Every structure is written in structure tokens, then in C-alpha cells.
C-alpha atoms as a PDB file:
ATOM      1  CA  UNK A   1     184.964 113.523 -10.875  1.00  0.00           C
ATOM      2  CA  UNK A   2     187.105 110.414 -11.146  1.00  0.00           C
ATOM      3  CA  UNK A   3     186.546 110.100 -15.074  1.00  0.00           C
ATOM      4  CA  UNK A   4     190.520 109.885 -15.322  1.00  0.00           C
ATOM      5  CA  UNK A   5     193.188 111.996 -13.574  1.00  0.00           C
ATOM      6  CA  UNK A   6     196.492 112.735 -13.832  1.00  0.00           C
ATOM      7  CA  UNK A   7     199.846 114.891 -12.853  1.00  0.00           C
ATOM      8  CA  UNK A   8     199.336 117.542 -16.072  1.00  0.00           C
ATOM      9  CA  UNK A   9     202.837 118.501 -15.036  1.00  0.00           C
ATOM     10  CA  UNK A  10     204.268 114.848 -16.371  1.00  0.00           C
ATOM     11  CA  UNK A  11     201.995 114.823 -19.297  1.00  0.00           C
ATOM     12  CA  UNK A  12     202.911 115.202 -23.143  1.00  0.00           C
ATOM     13  CA  UNK A  13     201.617 119.031 -23.186  1.00  0.00           C
ATOM     14  CA  UNK A  14     200.146 120.838 -26.631  1.00  0.00           C
ATOM     15  CA  UNK A  15     202.147 123.440 -28.267  1.00  0.00           C
ATOM     16  CA  UNK A  16     201.749 127.119 -27.735  1.00  0.00           C
ATOM     17  CA  UNK A  17     199.875 128.510 -30.227  1.00  0.00           C
ATOM     18  CA  UNK A  18     201.937 131.724 -31.768  1.00  0.00           C
ATOM     19  CA  UNK A  19     199.274 134.735 -30.988  1.00  0.00           C
ATOM     20  CA  UNK A  20     200.331 136.877 -33.807  1.00  0.00           C
ATOM     21  CA  UNK A  21     199.730 133.574 -36.866  1.00  0.00           C
ATOM     22  CA  UNK A  22     196.998 132.311 -35.376  1.00  0.00           C
ATOM     23  CA  UNK A  23     193.393 132.760 -36.324  1.00  0.00           C
ATOM     24  CA  UNK A  24     191.076 132.509 -33.367  1.00  0.00           C
ATOM     25  CA  UNK A  25     187.826 131.734 -33.855  1.00  0.00           C
ATOM     26  CA  UNK A  26     185.123 134.041 -31.829  1.00  0.00           C
ATOM     27  CA  UNK A  27     182.044 132.369 -30.464  1.00  0.00           C
ATOM     28  CA  UNK A  28     178.935 132.222 -32.939  1.00  0.00           C
ATOM     29  CA  UNK A  29     176.063 131.521 -30.690  1.00  0.00           C
ATOM     30  CA  UNK A  30     175.354 130.899 -27.211  1.00  0.00           C
ATOM     31  CA  UNK A  31     173.049 128.293 -26.199  1.00  0.00           C
ATOM     32  CA  UNK A  32     171.637 127.295 -23.090  1.00  0.00           C
ATOM     33  CA  UNK A  33     170.731 123.758 -22.289  1.00  0.00           C
ATOM     34  CA  UNK A  34     166.906 122.689 -21.754  1.00  0.00           C
ATOM     35  CA  UNK A  35     165.508 119.834 -19.146  1.00  0.00           C
ATOM     36  CA  UNK A  36     164.111 117.015 -20.092  1.00  0.00           C
ATOM     37  CA  UNK A  37     163.037 113.662 -19.447  1.00  0.00           C
ATOM     38  CA  UNK A  38     164.807 110.418 -21.175  1.00  0.00           C
ATOM     39  CA  UNK A  39     164.461 106.397 -21.175  1.00  0.00           C
ATOM     40  CA  UNK A  40     162.151 105.523 -17.708  1.00  0.00           C
ATOM     41  CA  UNK A  41     162.274 108.855 -16.837  1.00  0.00           C
ATOM     42  CA  UNK A  42     165.844 110.218 -15.589  1.00  0.00           C
ATOM     43  CA  UNK A  43     166.511 113.967 -16.344  1.00  0.00           C
ATOM     44  CA  UNK A  44     169.300 115.475 -19.226  1.00  0.00           C
ATOM     45  CA  UNK A  45     170.649 118.870 -20.233  1.00  0.00           C
ATOM     46  CA  UNK A  46     169.939 118.969 -24.286  1.00  0.00           C
ATOM     47  CA  UNK A  47     171.889 122.011 -25.645  1.00  0.00           C
ATOM     48  CA  UNK A  48     171.016 120.695 -29.546  1.00  0.00           C
ATOM     49  CA  UNK A  49     169.173 119.733 -31.615  1.00  0.00           C
ATOM     50  CA  UNK A  50     167.895 123.330 -31.940  1.00  0.00           C
ATOM     51  CA  UNK A  51     167.007 125.798 -35.024  1.00  0.00           C
ATOM     52  CA  UNK A  52     170.510 126.042 -35.716  1.00  0.00           C
ATOM     53  CA  UNK A  53     171.022 122.287 -36.111  1.00  0.00           C
ATOM     54  CA  UNK A  54     173.900 123.089 -39.362  1.00  0.00           C
ATOM     55  CA  UNK A  55     176.075 124.709 -36.923  1.00  0.00           C
ATOM     56  CA  UNK A  56     176.723 121.230 -35.272  1.00  0.00           C
ATOM     57  CA  UNK A  57     176.829 119.090 -38.188  1.00  0.00           C
ATOM     58  CA  UNK A  58     177.939 116.599 -37.915  1.00  0.00           C
ATOM     59  CA  UNK A  59     176.447 116.450 -34.755  1.00  0.00           C
ATOM     60  CA  UNK A  60     172.926 115.176 -34.296  1.00  0.00           C
ATOM     61  CA  UNK A  61     172.093 115.409 -30.648  1.00  0.00           C
ATOM     62  CA  UNK A  62     174.269 116.039 -27.288  1.00  0.00           C
ATOM     63  CA  UNK A  63     172.783 115.099 -23.686  1.00  0.00           C
ATOM     64  CA  UNK A  64     174.499 115.728 -20.213  1.00  0.00           C
ATOM     65  CA  UNK A  65     173.413 113.114 -17.795  1.00  0.00           C
ATOM     66  CA  UNK A  66     173.607 114.288 -14.691  1.00  0.00           C
ATOM     67  CA  UNK A  67     175.570 115.221 -12.275  1.00  0.00           C
ATOM     68  CA  UNK A  68     172.842 113.459  -9.854  1.00  0.00           C
ATOM     69  CA  UNK A  69     173.047 111.645  -6.299  1.00  0.00           C
ATOM     70  CA  UNK A  70     170.758 108.800  -6.604  1.00  0.00           C
ATOM     71  CA  UNK A  71     168.894 107.463  -3.217  1.00  0.00           C
ATOM     72  CA  UNK A  72     168.620 103.897  -3.240  1.00  0.00           C
ATOM     73  CA  UNK A  73     166.354 102.449  -5.551  1.00  0.00           C
ATOM     74  CA  UNK A  74     165.827 105.963  -7.652  1.00  0.00           C
ATOM     75  CA  UNK A  75     168.178 105.402 -10.558  1.00  0.00           C
ATOM     76  CA  UNK A  76     166.472 104.834 -14.385  1.00  0.00           C
ATOM     77  CA  UNK A  77     167.838 104.001 -17.972  1.00  0.00           C
ATOM     78  CA  UNK A  78     166.244 103.590 -21.113  1.00  0.00           C
ATOM     79  CA  UNK A  79     165.249 100.192 -22.115  1.00  0.00           C
ATOM     80  CA  UNK A  80     165.280  98.365 -25.456  1.00  0.00           C
ATOM     81  CA  UNK A  81     164.896 101.035 -28.141  1.00  0.00           C
ATOM     82  CA  UNK A  82     166.255 101.434 -31.863  1.00  0.00           C
ATOM     83  CA  UNK A  83     168.813 103.327 -33.493  1.00  0.00           C
ATOM     84  CA  UNK A  84     169.591 103.334 -36.808  1.00  0.00           C
ATOM     85  CA  UNK A  85     171.847 105.899 -39.488  1.00  0.00           C
ATOM     86  CA  UNK A  86     173.754 107.235 -36.857  1.00  0.00           C
ATOM     87  CA  UNK A  87     176.284 106.590 -33.470  1.00  0.00           C
ATOM     88  CA  UNK A  88     175.560 107.206 -30.209  1.00  0.00           C
ATOM     89  CA  UNK A  89     178.883 108.153 -28.193  1.00  0.00           C
ATOM     90  CA  UNK A  90     178.304 107.396 -24.195  1.00  0.00           C
ATOM     91  CA  UNK A  91     181.073 109.104 -22.152  1.00  0.00           C
ATOM     92  CA  UNK A  92     180.997 108.333 -18.326  1.00  0.00           C
ATOM     93  CA  UNK A  93     182.650 110.267 -15.946  1.00  0.00           C
ATOM     94  CA  UNK A  94     181.203 109.172 -12.752  1.00  0.00           C
ATOM     95  CA  UNK A  95     179.216 106.194 -11.816  1.00  0.00           C
ATOM     96  CA  UNK A  96     178.311 103.345 -14.036  1.00  0.00           C
ATOM     97  CA  UNK A  97     175.474 102.668 -16.916  1.00  0.00           C
ATOM     98  CA  UNK A  98     175.077  98.695 -18.369  1.00  0.00           C
ATOM     99  CA  UNK A  99     174.829  98.571 -22.119  1.00  0.00           C
ATOM    100  CA  UNK A 100     173.348  95.607 -24.586  1.00  0.00           C
ATOM    101  CA  UNK A 101     172.660  95.982 -28.029  1.00  0.00           C
ATOM    102  CA  UNK A 102     171.369  93.199 -30.395  1.00  0.00           C
ATOM    103  CA  UNK A 103     174.669  92.747 -32.149  1.00  0.00           C
ATOM    104  CA  UNK A 104     176.034  91.261 -28.776  1.00  0.00           C
ATOM    105  CA  UNK A 105     178.277  94.340 -28.020  1.00  0.00           C
ATOM    106  CA  UNK A 106     177.948  96.072 -24.561  1.00  0.00           C
ATOM    107  CA  UNK A 107     179.505  95.841 -20.883  1.00  0.00           C
ATOM    108  CA  UNK A 108     179.834  98.064 -17.967  1.00  0.00           C
ATOM    109  CA  UNK A 109     180.614 101.791 -18.636  1.00  0.00           C
ATOM    110  CA  UNK A 110     182.649 103.259 -15.675  1.00  0.00           C
ATOM    111  CA  UNK A 111     184.449 106.778 -14.681  1.00  0.00           C
ATOM    112  CA  UNK A 112     186.098 107.208 -17.823  1.00  0.00           C
ATOM    113  CA  UNK A 113     184.963 104.876 -20.381  1.00  0.00           C
ATOM    114  CA  UNK A 114     183.471 105.588 -23.692  1.00  0.00           C
ATOM    115  CA  UNK A 115     181.023 103.309 -25.349  1.00  0.00           C
ATOM    116  CA  UNK A 116     181.023 104.098 -29.522  1.00  0.00           C
ATOM    117  CA  UNK A 117     177.978 101.997 -30.789  1.00  0.00           C
ATOM    118  CA  UNK A 118     177.465 102.626 -34.741  1.00  0.00           C
ATOM    119  CA  UNK A 119     173.945 101.847 -35.406  1.00  0.00           C
ATOM    120  CA  UNK A 120     174.292 101.993 -39.183  1.00  0.00           C
ATOM    121  CA  UNK A 121     171.969  99.954 -40.824  1.00  0.00           C
ATOM    122  CA  UNK A 122     169.846  99.223 -37.527  1.00  0.00           C
ATOM    123  CA  UNK A 123     170.627  97.934 -33.835  1.00  0.00           C
ATOM    124  CA  UNK A 124     168.519  97.738 -30.691  1.00  0.00           C
ATOM    125  CA  UNK A 125     169.796  98.186 -27.206  1.00  0.00           C
ATOM    126  CA  UNK A 126     169.373  99.343 -23.798  1.00  0.00           C
ATOM    127  CA  UNK A 127     170.948 101.385 -21.246  1.00  0.00           C
ATOM    128  CA  UNK A 128     170.504 100.746 -17.622  1.00  0.00           C
ATOM    129  CA  UNK A 129     172.121 101.390 -14.372  1.00  0.00           C
ATOM    130  CA  UNK A 130     173.568  98.197 -13.048  1.00  0.00           C
ATOM    131  CA  UNK A 131     171.957  96.231 -10.556  1.00  0.00           C
ATOM    132  CA  UNK A 132     174.419  97.454  -7.596  1.00  0.00           C
ATOM    133  CA  UNK A 133     173.481 101.688  -8.060  1.00  0.00           C
ATOM    134  CA  UNK A 134     169.554 100.778  -8.447  1.00  0.00           C
ATOM    135  CA  UNK A 135     169.969  98.923  -5.205  1.00  0.00           C
ATOM    136  CA  UNK A 136     172.526 101.526  -3.119  1.00  0.00           C
ATOM    137  CA  UNK A 137     172.356 104.298  -4.708  1.00  0.00           C
ATOM    138  CA  UNK A 138     174.906 106.705  -5.804  1.00  0.00           C
ATOM    139  CA  UNK A 139     176.500 109.212  -8.394  1.00  0.00           C
ATOM    140  CA  UNK A 140     175.597 109.265 -11.886  1.00  0.00           C
ATOM    141  CA  UNK A 141     177.191 111.957 -14.538  1.00  0.00           C
ATOM    142  CA  UNK A 142     177.843 111.391 -18.296  1.00  0.00           C
ATOM    143  CA  UNK A 143     177.304 112.541 -21.716  1.00  0.00           C
ATOM    144  CA  UNK A 144     175.864 110.923 -24.965  1.00  0.00           C
ATOM    145  CA  UNK A 145     177.046 112.076 -28.469  1.00  0.00           C
ATOM    146  CA  UNK A 146     175.077 111.261 -31.609  1.00  0.00           C
ATOM    147  CA  UNK A 147     177.164 111.649 -34.967  1.00  0.00           C
ATOM    148  CA  UNK A 148     175.464 111.560 -37.852  1.00  0.00           C
ATOM    149  CA  UNK A 149     176.998 108.756 -40.414  1.00  0.00           C
ATOM    150  CA  UNK A 150     178.131 110.107 -44.056  1.00  0.00           C
ATOM    151  CA  UNK A 151     175.171 109.308 -46.547  1.00  0.00           C
ATOM    152  CA  UNK A 152     177.417 105.996 -48.107  1.00  0.00           C
ATOM    153  CA  UNK A 153     177.686 104.530 -44.366  1.00  0.00           C
ATOM    154  CA  UNK A 154     174.052 104.858 -43.444  1.00  0.00           C
ATOM    155  CA  UNK A 155     173.890 101.032 -43.985  1.00  0.00           C
ATOM    156  CA  UNK A 156     177.119  99.987 -42.361  1.00  0.00           C
ATOM    157  CA  UNK A 157     176.995  96.826 -40.556  1.00  0.00           C
ATOM    158  CA  UNK A 158     176.319  97.928 -36.690  1.00  0.00           C
ATOM    159  CA  UNK A 159     179.822  97.936 -34.616  1.00  0.00           C
ATOM    160  CA  UNK A 160     180.770  98.547 -31.285  1.00  0.00           C
ATOM    161  CA  UNK A 161     183.677 100.141 -29.717  1.00  0.00           C
ATOM    162  CA  UNK A 162     185.038  99.706 -25.977  1.00  0.00           C
ATOM    163  CA  UNK A 163     187.510 102.719 -25.324  1.00  0.00           C
ATOM    164  CA  UNK A 164     188.215 102.188 -21.918  1.00  0.00           C
ATOM    165  CA  UNK A 165     189.181 104.734 -19.009  1.00  0.00           C
ATOM    166  CA  UNK A 166     193.031 103.954 -19.608  1.00  0.00           C
ATOM    167  CA  UNK A 167     193.134 104.045 -23.413  1.00  0.00           C
ATOM    168  CA  UNK A 168     192.342 107.844 -23.953  1.00  0.00           C
ATOM    169  CA  UNK A 169     195.186 109.971 -24.944  1.00  0.00           C
ATOM    170  CA  UNK A 170     196.114 112.409 -22.363  1.00  0.00           C
ATOM    171  CA  UNK A 171     197.506 115.476 -22.743  1.00  0.00           C
ATOM    172  CA  UNK A 172     198.288 119.190 -20.824  1.00  0.00           C
ATOM    173  CA  UNK A 173     197.810 122.401 -21.884  1.00  0.00           C
ATOM    174  CA  UNK A 174     200.897 124.721 -22.835  1.00  0.00           C
ATOM    175  CA  UNK A 175     201.102 126.044 -19.460  1.00  0.00           C
ATOM    176  CA  UNK A 176     200.369 122.909 -17.350  1.00  0.00           C
ATOM    177  CA  UNK A 177     197.009 124.063 -16.025  1.00  0.00           C
ATOM    178  CA  UNK A 178     194.768 121.969 -18.317  1.00  0.00           C
ATOM    179  CA  UNK A 179     194.014 118.331 -18.264  1.00  0.00           C
ATOM    180  CA  UNK A 180     193.012 117.215 -22.161  1.00  0.00           C
ATOM    181  CA  UNK A 181     191.092 113.746 -22.546  1.00  0.00           C
ATOM    182  CA  UNK A 182     191.222 112.752 -26.073  1.00  0.00           C
ATOM    183  CA  UNK A 183     189.051 110.496 -26.818  1.00  0.00           C
ATOM    184  CA  UNK A 184     189.097 110.610 -30.818  1.00  0.00           C
ATOM    185  CA  UNK A 185     190.305 112.177 -33.725  1.00  0.00           C
ATOM    186  CA  UNK A 186     193.625 114.342 -33.988  1.00  0.00           C
ATOM    187  CA  UNK A 187     194.976 117.141 -31.680  1.00  0.00           C
ATOM    188  CA  UNK A 188     198.693 119.031 -32.516  1.00  0.00           C
ATOM    189  CA  UNK A 189     200.563 115.804 -33.118  1.00  0.00           C
ATOM    190  CA  UNK A 190     198.708 113.219 -31.130  1.00  0.00           C
ATOM    191  CA  UNK A 191     195.458 110.816 -31.735  1.00  0.00           C
ATOM    192  CA  UNK A 192     192.626 109.365 -29.817  1.00  0.00           C
ATOM    193  CA  UNK A 193     191.886 105.835 -29.248  1.00  0.00           C
ATOM    194  CA  UNK A 194     188.046 105.784 -30.721  1.00  0.00           C
ATOM    195  CA  UNK A 195     187.498 105.441 -34.933  1.00  0.00           C
ATOM    196  CA  UNK A 196     185.390 107.254 -36.583  1.00  0.00           C
ATOM    197  CA  UNK A 197     183.388 107.375 -39.629  1.00  0.00           C
ATOM    198  CA  UNK A 198     183.825 110.972 -40.305  1.00  0.00           C
ATOM    199  CA  UNK A 199     186.881 113.275 -39.287  1.00  0.00           C
ATOM    200  CA  UNK A 200     185.934 114.221 -35.897  1.00  0.00           C
ATOM    201  CA  UNK A 201     187.781 115.108 -32.660  1.00  0.00           C
ATOM    202  CA  UNK A 202     186.153 114.604 -29.548  1.00  0.00           C
ATOM    203  CA  UNK A 203     187.660 115.194 -25.896  1.00  0.00           C
ATOM    204  CA  UNK A 204     187.194 116.104 -22.416  1.00  0.00           C
ATOM    205  CA  UNK A 205     189.272 119.121 -20.775  1.00  0.00           C
ATOM    206  CA  UNK A 206     189.195 120.026 -17.063  1.00  0.00           C
ATOM    207  CA  UNK A 207     190.838 123.509 -16.845  1.00  0.00           C
ATOM    208  CA  UNK A 208     192.480 124.601 -13.069  1.00  0.00           C
ATOM    209  CA  UNK A 209     191.349 128.484 -12.170  1.00  0.00           C
ATOM    210  CA  UNK A 210     193.156 130.696 -13.913  1.00  0.00           C
ATOM    211  CA  UNK A 211     194.575 128.391 -16.421  1.00  0.00           C
ATOM    212  CA  UNK A 212     194.065 128.985 -19.837  1.00  0.00           C
ATOM    213  CA  UNK A 213     193.442 126.454 -22.978  1.00  0.00           C
ATOM    214  CA  UNK A 214     193.812 127.174 -26.448  1.00  0.00           C
ATOM    215  CA  UNK A 215     193.072 124.597 -28.915  1.00  0.00           C
ATOM    216  CA  UNK A 216     194.502 124.011 -32.607  1.00  0.00           C
ATOM    217  CA  UNK A 217     191.659 123.208 -34.670  1.00  0.00           C
ATOM    218  CA  UNK A 218     190.719 122.370 -38.358  1.00  0.00           C
ATOM    219  CA  UNK A 219     189.698 125.636 -40.007  1.00  0.00           C
ATOM    220  CA  UNK A 220     187.181 123.226 -42.453  1.00  0.00           C
ATOM    221  CA  UNK A 221     185.814 121.746 -38.741  1.00  0.00           C
ATOM    222  CA  UNK A 222     182.734 123.369 -37.119  1.00  0.00           C
ATOM    223  CA  UNK A 223     183.877 123.732 -33.254  1.00  0.00           C
ATOM    224  CA  UNK A 224     181.633 122.940 -30.157  1.00  0.00           C
ATOM    225  CA  UNK A 225     182.462 123.563 -26.434  1.00  0.00           C
ATOM    226  CA  UNK A 226     180.118 122.278 -23.757  1.00  0.00           C
ATOM    227  CA  UNK A 227     180.709 124.002 -20.657  1.00  0.00           C
END
């Protein structure tokens, strides 16, 4: 998993939370993602939307793409299609995806990169595996999150943020056993590079066996973990 690796013992560490002065959150619901086909026929795992969408607000959808090892000629994507009124956030863990949109935004997303597309008043875009992946095959693994826009921003001008693999803020858990890649929002005293309309915190954490990761979270925020 080359999404971005680092020596956790040398990174800034999150502060340990005092056990006797912390309001710990218990899980409200555990959901098993269902499998379905998207685009030209590639499989995703989708934990939501579902019956309890309010628990996920302001998030509308999460698609886990892969992990899959494509043989030559097997890789598929999602050709031109429209979006409006929300944002699509595509995070690549392994492999590559080529994005093009009607505003002129886009580029090649590779290991650890994030494409943050604000559809706003409306945009057309395509998400396709690069020719090299189609021709030779290879590993493909990523996550796409849909973020709802506030009512006042539904007709905002479309825009595109390219967050490179080296742009994420890298942090370590207090015990040094977890790597946290902060993509957007605030965590402890640290900030991610992503710019958002709705205040959210979005991160990718890798936890070593036997390690522990406790995250400080704004009480008014919903909290979701996808494993």
C-alpha cells in the first residue's frame, strides 16, 4: 500500500487524550458495505447511502474501489457523466486514475493523491484508468467520497483541487504505532491542505498491530470510520 508511507517515530504526534476527562463516543451503528457495479462495470463496495443517511450527513456516498489486480485489458472506468450540487473526493491508495472535467480541471491521480472536485452549479467529468494500466494491467485501489454542499453553495461555480501525495499532513499517534494522513480539516492543532465548504475532517489512518489511535473530534460533528 504505497499511498504515502513515513517513519511514524519521526512525525509530529497527536496529543494523548486524558482518559478521565474525555467523552468517548460509542458506535451507533455498524454497516456492512454492499457490492455493486459502477461506470463501465467496475466493482465497488458501498457502505452508504442507506436507510440512516442522517448519520452520515454531510456525506452522501462512499465507494471503495478495489483493491483489484487487473489483468491486461480488464481495467474499466466511468466515462463522461454529470454531477451537480455536491463534491466528489477521489483518494487513490494504489494505482492511477485519469480525471477530466468540463471546466478544464483534471489530471492523473496516483498513489496517495486526492482529487477534490466541486460540482456546484454543474459539471461533466470522466474518470478512466490510464492507457498504461489498461494495456499492462496492475493494482488499482481507491476511495471516492461524495460531500453535500450547503444550500447556499449549491450553485457555486465548479472548481477543482489537486492535492498531491506529498501535500497531506502526516501525523503519528501518541504511541507512534499509527500513521495519519490528514487530507482536509483540523485535527488537534494540525490542518490538512483540502479546502471545504462544510467544516469536515478527512483522514486516512494506518494502525500497526497492537497500536491504538484515539482521535479528538468536534462534539457537533458526525463521525464515520470505514475499515
